[in-house]
């Protein structure tokens, strides 16, 4: 079964976007939590 190079590229792009989104959300949540902790003090 031959693998379509376009399909592989598309998959890699999707994985990259998913990973980038995960990092972005994680950084945002950590920043919000830090700001909340600072505000409580």
Protein backbone atom coordinates (compact mmCIF):
# COMPACT_ATOMS: atom_id res chain seq x y z
CA UNK A 1 0.00 0.00 0.00
CA UNK A 2 1.73 3.21 -1.17
CA UNK A 3 1.64 6.19 1.15
CA UNK A 4 0.64 9.54 -0.34
CA UNK A 5 3.31 12.16 0.52
CA UNK A 6 0.65 14.87 0.60
CA UNK A 7 -1.23 12.91 3.26
CA UNK A 8 1.94 12.59 5.37
CA UNK A 9 2.64 16.32 5.09
CA UNK A 10 -0.95 17.16 6.04
CA UNK A 11 -0.72 14.85 9.05
CA UNK A 12 2.54 16.45 10.19
CA UNK A 13 1.05 19.94 9.84
CA UNK A 14 -2.00 18.92 11.88
CA UNK A 15 0.20 17.40 14.58
CA UNK A 16 2.31 20.56 14.67
CA UNK A 17 -0.76 22.77 15.03
CA UNK A 18 -2.16 20.54 17.77
CA UNK A 19 1.13 20.63 19.66
CA UNK A 20 1.44 24.42 19.26
CA UNK A 21 -2.14 24.92 20.46
CA UNK A 22 -1.51 22.70 23.48
CA UNK A 23 1.60 24.67 24.45
CA UNK A 24 -0.22 27.98 23.93
CA UNK A 25 -3.19 26.94 26.10
CA UNK A 26 -0.91 25.53 28.79
CA UNK A 27 1.16 28.73 28.91
CA UNK A 28 -1.99 30.85 29.06
CA UNK A 29 -3.50 28.81 31.90
CA UNK A 30 -0.24 28.86 33.87
CA UNK A 31 0.00 32.63 33.39
CA UNK A 32 -3.59 33.12 34.52
CA UNK A 33 -3.04 30.96 37.60
CA UNK A 34 0.12 32.85 38.48
CA UNK A 35 -1.70 36.17 38.09
CA UNK A 36 -4.53 34.89 40.27
CA UNK A 37 -2.09 33.75 42.97
CA UNK A 38 -0.34 37.14 42.86
CA UNK A 39 -3.68 38.93 43.11
CA UNK A 40 -4.68 36.99 46.20
CA UNK A 41 -1.53 37.99 48.05
